[in-house]
């Protein structure tokens, strides 16, 4: 998977490694948001990933638990660390579509 310049910069700023991005894409669940896939871990997918890792990899994996990655086509657009509720639309719009990471559902707030 190719990283855009923006994604490379954000990963560097936020301390997210390429291996963590690979894990999110391989094991995480995703939701569609504005034409892109947003990958993240819920409890079941995170547990599934942990079973496939070595003991030394698990320490890095714990840092990945609350991360997300945005993918459009075959490019990683950005990556970051999740907040409990993530606003999916631009801040100035009247209706904010929020992704509730705890339940994996979208809702209009």
PDB file of N, CA and C in Angstrom:
ATOM      1  N   UNK A   1       0.854  -1.168   0.000  1.00  0.00           N
ATOM      2  CA  UNK A   1       0.000   0.000   0.000  1.00  0.00           C
ATOM      3  C   UNK A   1       0.903   1.235   0.000  1.00  0.00           C
ATOM      4  N   UNK A   2       0.583   2.172  -0.834  1.00  0.00           N
ATOM      5  CA  UNK A   2       1.380   3.392  -0.986  1.00  0.00           C
ATOM      6  C   UNK A   2       0.879   4.476  -0.031  1.00  0.00           C
ATOM      7  N   UNK A   3       1.801   5.207   0.584  1.00  0.00           N
ATOM      8  CA  UNK A   3       1.454   6.318   1.469  1.00  0.00           C
ATOM      9  C   UNK A   3       1.599   7.630   0.715  1.00  0.00           C
ATOM     10  N   UNK A   4       0.621   8.517   0.869  1.00  0.00           N
ATOM     11  CA  UNK A   4       0.742   9.855   0.299  1.00  0.00           C
ATOM     12  C   UNK A   4       1.741  10.649   1.139  1.00  0.00           C
ATOM     13  N   UNK A   5       2.146  11.801   0.626  1.00  0.00           N
ATOM     14  CA  UNK A   5       3.060  12.669   1.378  1.00  0.00           C
ATOM     15  C   UNK A   5       2.411  13.102   2.688  1.00  0.00           C
ATOM     16  N   UNK A   6       1.107  13.371   2.639  1.00  0.00           N
ATOM     17  CA  UNK A   6       0.377  13.769   3.845  1.00  0.00           C
ATOM     18  C   UNK A   6       0.397  12.639   4.878  1.00  0.00           C
ATOM     19  N   UNK A   7       0.149  11.411   4.430  1.00  0.00           N
ATOM     20  CA  UNK A   7       0.144  10.269   5.347  1.00  0.00           C
ATOM     21  C   UNK A   7       1.523  10.045   5.957  1.00  0.00           C
ATOM     22  N   UNK A   8       2.565  10.190   5.159  1.00  0.00           N
ATOM     23  CA  UNK A   8       3.928  10.034   5.670  1.00  0.00           C
ATOM     24  C   UNK A   8       4.217  11.062   6.752  1.00  0.00           C
ATOM     25  N   UNK A   9       3.808  12.293   6.509  1.00  0.00           N
ATOM     26  CA  UNK A   9       4.016  13.363   7.485  1.00  0.00           C
ATOM     27  C   UNK A   9       3.241  13.094   8.772  1.00  0.00           C
ATOM     28  N   UNK A  10       1.972  12.710   8.642  1.00  0.00           N
ATOM     29  CA  UNK A  10       1.141  12.458   9.821  1.00  0.00           C
ATOM     30  C   UNK A  10       1.647  11.260  10.619  1.00  0.00           C
ATOM     31  N   UNK A  11       2.073  10.216   9.941  1.00  0.00           N
ATOM     32  CA  UNK A  11       2.610   9.047  10.643  1.00  0.00           C
ATOM     33  C   UNK A  11       3.860   9.419  11.420  1.00  0.00           C
ATOM     34  N   UNK A  12       4.687  10.244  10.826  1.00  0.00           N
ATOM     35  CA  UNK A  12       5.899  10.698  11.501  1.00  0.00           C
ATOM     36  C   UNK A  12       5.555  11.543  12.725  1.00  0.00           C
ATOM     37  N   UNK A  13       4.601  12.448  12.584  1.00  0.00           N
ATOM     38  CA  UNK A  13       4.201  13.321  13.687  1.00  0.00           C
ATOM     39  C   UNK A  13       3.542  12.548  14.825  1.00  0.00           C
ATOM     40  N   UNK A  14       2.794  11.510  14.468  1.00  0.00           N
ATOM     41  CA  UNK A  14       1.988  10.796  15.454  1.00  0.00           C
ATOM     42  C   UNK A  14       2.628   9.499  15.933  1.00  0.00           C
ATOM     43  N   UNK A  15       3.805   9.186  15.430  1.00  0.00           N
ATOM     44  CA  UNK A  15       4.516   7.994  15.887  1.00  0.00           C
ATOM     45  C   UNK A  15       3.872   6.692  15.460  1.00  0.00           C
ATOM     46  N   UNK A  16       3.313   6.665  14.259  1.00  0.00           N
ATOM     47  CA  UNK A  16       2.662   5.465  13.734  1.00  0.00           C
ATOM     48  C   UNK A  16       3.589   4.832  12.703  1.00  0.00           C
ATOM     49  N   UNK A  17       3.897   3.564  12.889  1.00  0.00           N
ATOM     50  CA  UNK A  17       4.821   2.855  12.002  1.00  0.00           C
ATOM     51  C   UNK A  17       4.072   2.168  10.867  1.00  0.00           C
ATOM     52  N   UNK A  18       4.822   1.857   9.812  1.00  0.00           N
ATOM     53  CA  UNK A  18       4.247   1.174   8.648  1.00  0.00           C
ATOM     54  C   UNK A  18       3.653  -0.172   9.060  1.00  0.00           C
ATOM     55  N   UNK A  19       4.315  -0.878   9.961  1.00  0.00           N
ATOM     56  CA  UNK A  19       3.814  -2.170  10.418  1.00  0.00           C
ATOM     57  C   UNK A  19       2.440  -2.026  11.072  1.00  0.00           C
ATOM     58  N   UNK A  20       2.229  -0.952  11.810  1.00  0.00           N
ATOM     59  CA  UNK A  20       0.936  -0.715  12.435  1.00  0.00           C
ATOM     60  C   UNK A  20      -0.143  -0.474  11.378  1.00  0.00           C
ATOM     61  N   UNK A  21       0.198   0.252  10.330  1.00  0.00           N
ATOM     62  CA  UNK A  21      -0.747   0.485   9.233  1.00  0.00           C
ATOM     63  C   UNK A  21      -1.100  -0.836   8.562  1.00  0.00           C
ATOM     64  N   UNK A  22      -0.095  -1.676   8.335  1.00  0.00           N
ATOM     65  CA  UNK A  22      -0.340  -2.987   7.728  1.00  0.00           C
ATOM     66  C   UNK A  22      -1.281  -3.823   8.587  1.00  0.00           C
ATOM     67  N   UNK A  23      -1.100  -3.802   9.902  1.00  0.00           N
ATOM     68  CA  UNK A  23      -1.984  -4.546  10.803  1.00  0.00           C
ATOM     69  C   UNK A  23      -3.408  -4.014  10.746  1.00  0.00           C
ATOM     70  N   UNK A  24      -3.568  -2.693  10.727  1.00  0.00           N
ATOM     71  CA  UNK A  24      -4.910  -2.115  10.663  1.00  0.00           C
ATOM     72  C   UNK A  24      -5.638  -2.553   9.397  1.00  0.00           C
ATOM     73  N   UNK A  25      -4.928  -2.548   8.280  1.00  0.00           N
ATOM     74  CA  UNK A  25      -5.555  -2.918   7.015  1.00  0.00           C
ATOM     75  C   UNK A  25      -5.825  -4.419   6.958  1.00  0.00           C
ATOM     76  N   UNK A  26      -4.901  -5.219   7.474  1.00  0.00           N
ATOM     77  CA  UNK A  26      -5.052  -6.674   7.405  1.00  0.00           C
ATOM     78  C   UNK A  26      -6.081  -7.215   8.397  1.00  0.00           C
ATOM     79  N   UNK A  27      -6.106  -6.687   9.615  1.00  0.00           N
ATOM     80  CA  UNK A  27      -6.942  -7.259  10.669  1.00  0.00           C
ATOM     81  C   UNK A  27      -8.090  -6.365  11.124  1.00  0.00           C
ATOM     82  N   UNK A  28      -8.018  -5.076  10.864  1.00  0.00           N
ATOM     83  CA  UNK A  28      -9.034  -4.154  11.370  1.00  0.00           C
ATOM     84  C   UNK A  28     -10.337  -4.243  10.606  1.00  0.00           C
ATOM     85  N   UNK A  29     -11.370  -3.687  11.198  1.00  0.00           N
ATOM     86  CA  UNK A  29     -12.627  -3.580  10.455  1.00  0.00           C
ATOM     87  C   UNK A  29     -12.653  -2.207   9.817  1.00  0.00           C
ATOM     88  N   UNK A  30     -13.522  -2.020   8.843  1.00  0.00           N
ATOM     89  CA  UNK A  30     -13.566  -0.719   8.189  1.00  0.00           C
ATOM     90  C   UNK A  30     -14.997  -0.257   7.988  1.00  0.00           C
ATOM     91  N   UNK A  31     -15.134   1.051   7.908  1.00  0.00           N
ATOM     92  CA  UNK A  31     -16.389   1.692   7.539  1.00  0.00           C
ATOM     93  C   UNK A  31     -16.079   2.619   6.374  1.00  0.00           C
ATOM     94  N   UNK A  32     -17.083   2.858   5.546  1.00  0.00           N
ATOM     95  CA  UNK A  32     -16.916   3.784   4.423  1.00  0.00           C
ATOM     96  C   UNK A  32     -17.254   5.179   4.908  1.00  0.00           C
ATOM     97  N   UNK A  33     -16.425   6.137   4.543  1.00  0.00           N
ATOM     98  CA  UNK A  33     -16.657   7.519   4.936  1.00  0.00           C
ATOM     99  C   UNK A  33     -16.187   8.428   3.811  1.00  0.00           C
ATOM    100  N   UNK A  34     -17.125   9.112   3.175  1.00  0.00           N
ATOM    101  CA  UNK A  34     -16.826  10.078   2.115  1.00  0.00           C
ATOM    102  C   UNK A  34     -15.945   9.481   1.022  1.00  0.00           C
ATOM    103  N   UNK A  35     -16.257   8.262   0.599  1.00  0.00           N
ATOM    104  CA  UNK A  35     -15.554   7.619  -0.503  1.00  0.00           C
ATOM    105  C   UNK A  35     -14.251   6.949  -0.127  1.00  0.00           C
ATOM    106  N   UNK A  36     -13.932   6.894   1.142  1.00  0.00           N
ATOM    107  CA  UNK A  36     -12.696   6.247   1.596  1.00  0.00           C
ATOM    108  C   UNK A  36     -13.043   5.229   2.684  1.00  0.00           C
ATOM    109  N   UNK A  37     -12.155   4.263   2.863  1.00  0.00           N
ATOM    110  CA  UNK A  37     -12.319   3.276   3.924  1.00  0.00           C
ATOM    111  C   UNK A  37     -11.521   3.743   5.145  1.00  0.00           C
ATOM    112  N   UNK A  38     -12.169   3.723   6.302  1.00  0.00           N
ATOM    113  CA  UNK A  38     -11.507   4.058   7.560  1.00  0.00           C
ATOM    114  C   UNK A  38     -11.350   2.751   8.333  1.00  0.00           C
ATOM    115  N   UNK A  39     -10.103   2.321   8.517  1.00  0.00           N
ATOM    116  CA  UNK A  39      -9.806   1.080   9.231  1.00  0.00           C
ATOM    117  C   UNK A  39      -9.503   1.391  10.689  1.00  0.00           C
ATOM    118  N   UNK A  40     -10.010   0.544  11.585  1.00  0.00           N
ATOM    119  CA  UNK A  40      -9.766   0.667  13.016  1.00  0.00           C
ATOM    120  C   UNK A  40     -10.002  -0.690  13.644  1.00  0.00           C
ATOM    121  N   UNK A  41      -9.648  -0.824  14.901  1.00  0.00           N
ATOM    122  CA  UNK A  41      -9.852  -2.080  15.617  1.00  0.00           C
ATOM    123  C   UNK A  41     -11.039  -1.977  16.549  1.00  0.00           C
ATOM    124  N   UNK A  42     -11.916  -2.965  16.477  1.00  0.00           N
ATOM    125  CA  UNK A  42     -12.871  -3.170  17.552  1.00  0.00           C
ATOM    126  C   UNK A  42     -12.286  -4.295  18.411  1.00  0.00           C
ATOM    127  N   UNK A  43     -12.945  -4.641  19.460  1.00  0.00           N
ATOM    128  CA  UNK A  43     -12.391  -5.612  20.404  1.00  0.00           C
ATOM    129  C   UNK A  43     -12.120  -6.969  19.750  1.00  0.00           C
ATOM    130  N   UNK A  44     -13.061  -7.479  18.971  1.00  0.00           N
ATOM    131  CA  UNK A  44     -12.909  -8.809  18.369  1.00  0.00           C
ATOM    132  C   UNK A  44     -11.772  -8.846  17.352  1.00  0.00           C
ATOM    133  N   UNK A  45     -11.688  -7.837  16.497  1.00  0.00           N
ATOM    134  CA  UNK A  45     -10.636  -7.819  15.484  1.00  0.00           C
ATOM    135  C   UNK A  45      -9.258  -7.626  16.111  1.00  0.00           C
ATOM    136  N   UNK A  46      -9.192  -6.843  17.175  1.00  0.00           N
ATOM    137  CA  UNK A  46      -7.912  -6.643  17.849  1.00  0.00           C
ATOM    138  C   UNK A  46      -7.444  -7.946  18.494  1.00  0.00           C
ATOM    139  N   UNK A  47      -8.355  -8.647  19.125  1.00  0.00           N
ATOM    140  CA  UNK A  47      -8.012  -9.924  19.757  1.00  0.00           C
ATOM    141  C   UNK A  47      -7.543 -10.934  18.715  1.00  0.00           C
ATOM    142  N   UNK A  48      -8.216 -10.967  17.564  1.00  0.00           N
ATOM    143  CA  UNK A  48      -7.823 -11.874  16.481  1.00  0.00           C
ATOM    144  C   UNK A  48      -6.389 -11.573  16.031  1.00  0.00           C
ATOM    145  N   UNK A  49      -6.046 -10.299  15.922  1.00  0.00           N
ATOM    146  CA  UNK A  49      -4.700  -9.934  15.510  1.00  0.00           C
ATOM    147  C   UNK A  49      -3.674 -10.366  16.555  1.00  0.00           C
ATOM    148  N   UNK A  50      -3.970 -10.177  17.832  1.00  0.00           N
ATOM    149  CA  UNK A  50      -3.021 -10.523  18.891  1.00  0.00           C
ATOM    150  C   UNK A  50      -2.636 -11.996  18.858  1.00  0.00           C
ATOM    151  N   UNK A  51      -3.580 -12.866  18.522  1.00  0.00           N
ATOM    152  CA  UNK A  51      -3.290 -14.298  18.464  1.00  0.00           C
ATOM    153  C   UNK A  51      -2.280 -14.643  17.377  1.00  0.00           C
ATOM    154  N   UNK A  52      -2.184 -13.814  16.352  1.00  0.00           N
ATOM    155  CA  UNK A  52      -1.277 -14.113  15.244  1.00  0.00           C
ATOM    156  C   UNK A  52       0.111 -13.489  15.418  1.00  0.00           C
ATOM    157  N   UNK A  53       0.322 -12.716  16.479  1.00  0.00           N
ATOM    158  CA  UNK A  53       1.585 -12.003  16.668  1.00  0.00           C
ATOM    159  C   UNK A  53       2.497 -12.712  17.661  1.00  0.00           C
ATOM    160  N   UNK A  54       3.778 -12.412  17.545  1.00  0.00           N
ATOM    161  CA  UNK A  54       4.744 -12.913  18.518  1.00  0.00           C
ATOM    162  C   UNK A  54       4.691 -12.030  19.760  1.00  0.00           C
ATOM    163  N   UNK A  55       5.331 -12.485  20.817  1.00  0.00           N
ATOM    164  CA  UNK A  55       5.326 -11.729  22.074  1.00  0.00           C
ATOM    165  C   UNK A  55       5.976 -10.359  21.908  1.00  0.00           C
ATOM    166  N   UNK A  56       7.026 -10.282  21.113  1.00  0.00           N
ATOM    167  CA  UNK A  56       7.709  -8.998  20.924  1.00  0.00           C
ATOM    168  C   UNK A  56       6.872  -8.011  20.107  1.00  0.00           C
ATOM    169  N   UNK A  57       6.022  -8.520  19.225  1.00  0.00           N
ATOM    170  CA  UNK A  57       5.176  -7.645  18.410  1.00  0.00           C
ATOM    171  C   UNK A  57       3.973  -7.114  19.189  1.00  0.00           C
ATOM    172  N   UNK A  58       3.590  -7.802  20.234  1.00  0.00           N
ATOM    173  CA  UNK A  58       2.386  -7.409  20.979  1.00  0.00           C
ATOM    174  C   UNK A  58       2.523  -6.053  21.657  1.00  0.00           C
ATOM    175  N   UNK A  59       3.724  -5.700  22.067  1.00  0.00           N
ATOM    176  CA  UNK A  59       3.925  -4.398  22.708  1.00  0.00           C
ATOM    177  C   UNK A  59       3.614  -3.266  21.728  1.00  0.00           C
ATOM    178  N   UNK A  60       4.079  -3.391  20.482  1.00  0.00           N
ATOM    179  CA  UNK A  60       3.761  -2.400  19.458  1.00  0.00           C
ATOM    180  C   UNK A  60       2.275  -2.456  19.109  1.00  0.00           C
ATOM    181  N   UNK A  61       1.708  -3.659  19.115  1.00  0.00           N
ATOM    182  CA  UNK A  61       0.294  -3.818  18.785  1.00  0.00           C
ATOM    183  C   UNK A  61      -0.598  -3.087  19.780  1.00  0.00           C
ATOM    184  N   UNK A  62      -0.221  -3.063  21.045  1.00  0.00           N
ATOM    185  CA  UNK A  62      -1.015  -2.353  22.054  1.00  0.00           C
ATOM    186  C   UNK A  62      -1.121  -0.868  21.730  1.00  0.00           C
ATOM    187  N   UNK A  63      -0.094  -0.309  21.127  1.00  0.00           N
ATOM    188  CA  UNK A  63      -0.124   1.101  20.731  1.00  0.00           C
ATOM    189  C   UNK A  63      -1.026   1.321  19.522  1.00  0.00           C
ATOM    190  N   UNK A  64      -1.342   0.255  18.814  1.00  0.00           N
ATOM    191  CA  UNK A  64      -2.170   0.330  17.611  1.00  0.00           C
ATOM    192  C   UNK A  64      -3.653   0.243  17.938  1.00  0.00           C
ATOM    193  N   UNK A  65      -3.987  -0.188  19.137  1.00  0.00           N
ATOM    194  CA  UNK A  65      -5.384  -0.439  19.513  1.00  0.00           C
ATOM    195  C   UNK A  65      -6.284   0.759  19.228  1.00  0.00           C
ATOM    196  N   UNK A  66      -5.842   1.966  19.498  1.00  0.00           N
ATOM    197  CA  UNK A  66      -6.666   3.162  19.321  1.00  0.00           C
ATOM    198  C   UNK A  66      -6.217   4.005  18.139  1.00  0.00           C
ATOM    199  N   UNK A  67      -5.776   3.362  17.085  1.00  0.00           N
ATOM    200  CA  UNK A  67      -5.344   4.077  15.882  1.00  0.00           C
ATOM    201  C   UNK A  67      -6.340   3.844  14.756  1.00  0.00           C
ATOM    202  N   UNK A  68      -6.252   4.669  13.738  1.00  0.00           N
ATOM    203  CA  UNK A  68      -7.061   4.480  12.541  1.00  0.00           C
ATOM    204  C   UNK A  68      -6.225   4.846  11.329  1.00  0.00           C
ATOM    205  N   UNK A  69      -6.654   4.368  10.176  1.00  0.00           N
ATOM    206  CA  UNK A  69      -5.997   4.706   8.920  1.00  0.00           C
ATOM    207  C   UNK A  69      -7.085   4.914   7.871  1.00  0.00           C
ATOM    208  N   UNK A  70      -6.923   5.940   7.039  1.00  0.00           N
ATOM    209  CA  UNK A  70      -7.883   6.262   5.985  1.00  0.00           C
ATOM    210  C   UNK A  70      -7.254   5.878   4.655  1.00  0.00           C
ATOM    211  N   UNK A  71      -7.964   5.033   3.886  1.00  0.00           N
ATOM    212  CA  UNK A  71      -7.448   4.506   2.624  1.00  0.00           C
ATOM    213  C   UNK A  71      -8.440   4.823   1.515  1.00  0.00           C
ATOM    214  N   UNK A  72      -7.922   5.359   0.419  1.00  0.00           N
ATOM    215  CA  UNK A  72      -8.748   5.607  -0.764  1.00  0.00           C
ATOM    216  C   UNK A  72      -8.027   4.988  -1.950  1.00  0.00           C
ATOM    217  N   UNK A  73      -8.694   4.047  -2.608  1.00  0.00           N
ATOM    218  CA  UNK A  73      -8.043   3.309  -3.687  1.00  0.00           C
ATOM    219  C   UNK A  73      -6.944   2.445  -3.100  1.00  0.00           C
ATOM    220  N   UNK A  74      -5.728   2.622  -3.595  1.00  0.00           N
ATOM    221  CA  UNK A  74      -4.595   1.875  -3.044  1.00  0.00           C
ATOM    222  C   UNK A  74      -3.623   2.795  -2.313  1.00  0.00           C
ATOM    223  N   UNK A  75      -4.106   3.963  -1.881  1.00  0.00           N
ATOM    224  CA  UNK A  75      -3.256   4.924  -1.181  1.00  0.00           C
ATOM    225  C   UNK A  75      -3.747   5.166   0.243  1.00  0.00           C
ATOM    226  N   UNK A  76      -2.808   5.221   1.165  1.00  0.00           N
ATOM    227  CA  UNK A  76      -3.116   5.617   2.539  1.00  0.00           C
ATOM    228  C   UNK A  76      -3.138   7.139   2.564  1.00  0.00           C
ATOM    229  N   UNK A  77      -4.279   7.716   2.923  1.00  0.00           N
ATOM    230  CA  UNK A  77      -4.454   9.164   2.925  1.00  0.00           C
ATOM    231  C   UNK A  77      -3.914   9.771   4.216  1.00  0.00           C
ATOM    232  N   UNK A  78      -4.283   9.191   5.356  1.00  0.00           N
ATOM    233  CA  UNK A  78      -3.807   9.685   6.647  1.00  0.00           C
ATOM    234  C   UNK A  78      -3.955   8.594   7.692  1.00  0.00           C
ATOM    235  N   UNK A  79      -3.362   8.818   8.834  1.00  0.00           N
ATOM    236  CA  UNK A  79      -3.466   7.903   9.969  1.00  0.00           C
ATOM    237  C   UNK A  79      -3.424   8.735  11.240  1.00  0.00           C
ATOM    238  N   UNK A  80      -4.024   8.212  12.285  1.00  0.00           N
ATOM    239  CA  UNK A  80      -4.038   8.953  13.533  1.00  0.00           C
ATOM    240  C   UNK A  80      -4.498   8.100  14.688  1.00  0.00           C
ATOM    241  N   UNK A  81      -4.707   8.752  15.823  1.00  0.00           N
ATOM    242  CA  UNK A  81      -5.177   8.099  17.035  1.00  0.00           C
ATOM    243  C   UNK A  81      -6.619   8.512  17.265  1.00  0.00           C
ATOM    244  N   UNK A  82      -7.467   7.535  17.591  1.00  0.00           N
ATOM    245  CA  UNK A  82      -8.895   7.766  17.706  1.00  0.00           C
ATOM    246  C   UNK A  82      -9.276   8.488  18.987  1.00  0.00           C
ATOM    247  N   UNK A  83     -10.331   9.262  18.878  1.00  0.00           N
ATOM    248  CA  UNK A  83     -11.025   9.844  20.012  1.00  0.00           C
ATOM    249  C   UNK A  83     -12.305   9.029  20.168  1.00  0.00           C
ATOM    250  N   UNK A  84     -13.019   9.114  21.307  1.00  0.00           N
ATOM    251  CA  UNK A  84     -14.229   8.309  21.473  1.00  0.00           C
ATOM    252  C   UNK A  84     -15.263   8.508  20.367  1.00  0.00           C
ATOM    253  N   UNK A  85     -15.478   9.734  19.913  1.00  0.00           N
ATOM    254  CA  UNK A  85     -16.400  10.000  18.811  1.00  0.00           C
ATOM    255  C   UNK A  85     -15.646  10.832  17.790  1.00  0.00           C
ATOM    256  N   UNK A  86     -15.658  10.387  16.545  1.00  0.00           N
ATOM    257  CA  UNK A  86     -14.885  11.006  15.475  1.00  0.00           C
ATOM    258  C   UNK A  86     -15.852  11.685  14.523  1.00  0.00           C
ATOM    259  N   UNK A  87     -15.710  12.994  14.303  1.00  0.00           N
ATOM    260  CA  UNK A  87     -16.579  13.736  13.400  1.00  0.00           C
ATOM    261  C   UNK A  87     -16.140  13.476  11.971  1.00  0.00           C
ATOM    262  N   UNK A  88     -17.044  12.971  11.156  1.00  0.00           N
ATOM    263  CA  UNK A  88     -16.696  12.550   9.811  1.00  0.00           C
ATOM    264  C   UNK A  88     -16.852  13.654   8.770  1.00  0.00           C
ATOM    265  N   UNK A  89     -17.582  14.712   9.074  1.00  0.00           N
ATOM    266  CA  UNK A  89     -17.779  15.796   8.116  1.00  0.00           C
ATOM    267  C   UNK A  89     -16.947  17.008   8.493  1.00  0.00           C
ATOM    268  N   UNK A  90     -16.917  17.968   7.601  1.00  0.00           N
ATOM    269  CA  UNK A  90     -16.194  19.205   7.884  1.00  0.00           C
ATOM    270  C   UNK A  90     -16.877  19.949   9.030  1.00  0.00           C
ATOM    271  N   UNK A  91     -16.117  20.656   9.853  1.00  0.00           N
ATOM    272  CA  UNK A  91     -16.684  21.313  11.034  1.00  0.00           C
ATOM    273  C   UNK A  91     -17.789  22.320  10.745  1.00  0.00           C
ATOM    274  N   UNK A  92     -17.815  22.962   9.595  1.00  0.00           N
ATOM    275  CA  UNK A  92     -18.801  23.995   9.332  1.00  0.00           C
ATOM    276  C   UNK A  92     -20.147  23.500   8.840  1.00  0.00           C
ATOM    277  N   UNK A  93     -20.292  22.218   8.570  1.00  0.00           N
ATOM    278  CA  UNK A  93     -21.551  21.733   8.011  1.00  0.00           C
ATOM    279  C   UNK A  93     -22.626  21.656   9.093  1.00  0.00           C
ATOM    280  N   UNK A  94     -23.890  21.663   8.656  1.00  0.00           N
ATOM    281  CA  UNK A  94     -25.009  21.681   9.589  1.00  0.00           C
ATOM    282  C   UNK A  94     -25.223  20.340  10.265  1.00  0.00           C
ATOM    283  N   UNK A  95     -25.044  19.271   9.529  1.00  0.00           N
ATOM    284  CA  UNK A  95     -25.228  17.933  10.094  1.00  0.00           C
ATOM    285  C   UNK A  95     -23.883  17.239  10.120  1.00  0.00           C
ATOM    286  N   UNK A  96     -23.493  16.849  11.282  1.00  0.00           N
ATOM    287  CA  UNK A  96     -22.230  16.132  11.421  1.00  0.00           C
ATOM    288  C   UNK A  96     -22.527  14.645  11.495  1.00  0.00           C
ATOM    289  N   UNK A  97     -21.958  13.901  10.577  1.00  0.00           N
ATOM    290  CA  UNK A  97     -22.066  12.457  10.625  1.00  0.00           C
ATOM    291  C   UNK A  97     -20.915  11.968  11.486  1.00  0.00           C
ATOM    292  N   UNK A  98     -21.242  11.348  12.575  1.00  0.00           N
ATOM    293  CA  UNK A  98     -20.208  10.915  13.506  1.00  0.00           C
ATOM    294  C   UNK A  98     -20.063   9.400  13.451  1.00  0.00           C
ATOM    295  N   UNK A  99     -18.837   8.961  13.559  1.00  0.00           N
ATOM    296  CA  UNK A  99     -18.577   7.538  13.649  1.00  0.00           C
ATOM    297  C   UNK A  99     -18.332   7.239  15.113  1.00  0.00           C
ATOM    298  N   UNK A 100     -19.201   6.450  15.695  1.00  0.00           N
ATOM    299  CA  UNK A 100     -19.036   6.080  17.091  1.00  0.00           C
ATOM    300  C   UNK A 100     -18.161   4.840  17.127  1.00  0.00           C
ATOM    301  N   UNK A 101     -16.899   5.027  17.452  1.00  0.00           N
ATOM    302  CA  UNK A 101     -15.910   3.943  17.393  1.00  0.00           C
ATOM    303  C   UNK A 101     -16.251   2.814  18.343  1.00  0.00           C
ATOM    304  N   UNK A 102     -16.938   3.131  19.426  1.00  0.00           N
ATOM    305  CA  UNK A 102     -17.235   2.096  20.415  1.00  0.00           C
ATOM    306  C   UNK A 102     -18.221   1.083  19.869  1.00  0.00           C
ATOM    307  N   UNK A 103     -19.101   1.515  18.977  1.00  0.00           N
ATOM    308  CA  UNK A 103     -20.130   0.626  18.459  1.00  0.00           C
ATOM    309  C   UNK A 103     -19.987   0.373  16.964  1.00  0.00           C
ATOM    310  N   UNK A 104     -19.079   1.074  16.297  1.00  0.00           N
ATOM    311  CA  UNK A 104     -18.843   0.857  14.875  1.00  0.00           C
ATOM    312  C   UNK A 104     -19.977   1.307  13.984  1.00  0.00           C
ATOM    313  N   UNK A 105     -20.783   2.239  14.445  1.00  0.00           N
ATOM    314  CA  UNK A 105     -21.938   2.674  13.672  1.00  0.00           C
ATOM    315  C   UNK A 105     -21.836   4.161  13.367  1.00  0.00           C
ATOM    316  N   UNK A 106     -22.479   4.558  12.291  1.00  0.00           N
ATOM    317  CA  UNK A 106     -22.550   5.975  11.946  1.00  0.00           C
ATOM    318  C   UNK A 106     -23.883   6.520  12.424  1.00  0.00           C
ATOM    319  N   UNK A 107     -23.886   7.774  12.781  1.00  0.00           N
ATOM    320  CA  UNK A 107     -25.136   8.405  13.184  1.00  0.00           C
ATOM    321  C   UNK A 107     -25.061   9.882  12.854  1.00  0.00           C
ATOM    322  N   UNK A 108     -26.212  10.527  12.691  1.00  0.00           N
ATOM    323  CA  UNK A 108     -26.266  11.958  12.432  1.00  0.00           C
ATOM    324  C   UNK A 108     -26.513  12.650  13.754  1.00  0.00           C
ATOM    325  N   UNK A 109     -25.652  13.616  14.076  1.00  0.00           N
ATOM    326  CA  UNK A 109     -25.791  14.333  15.347  1.00  0.00           C
ATOM    327  C   UNK A 109     -26.266  15.741  15.096  1.00  0.00           C
TER     328      UNK A 109
END
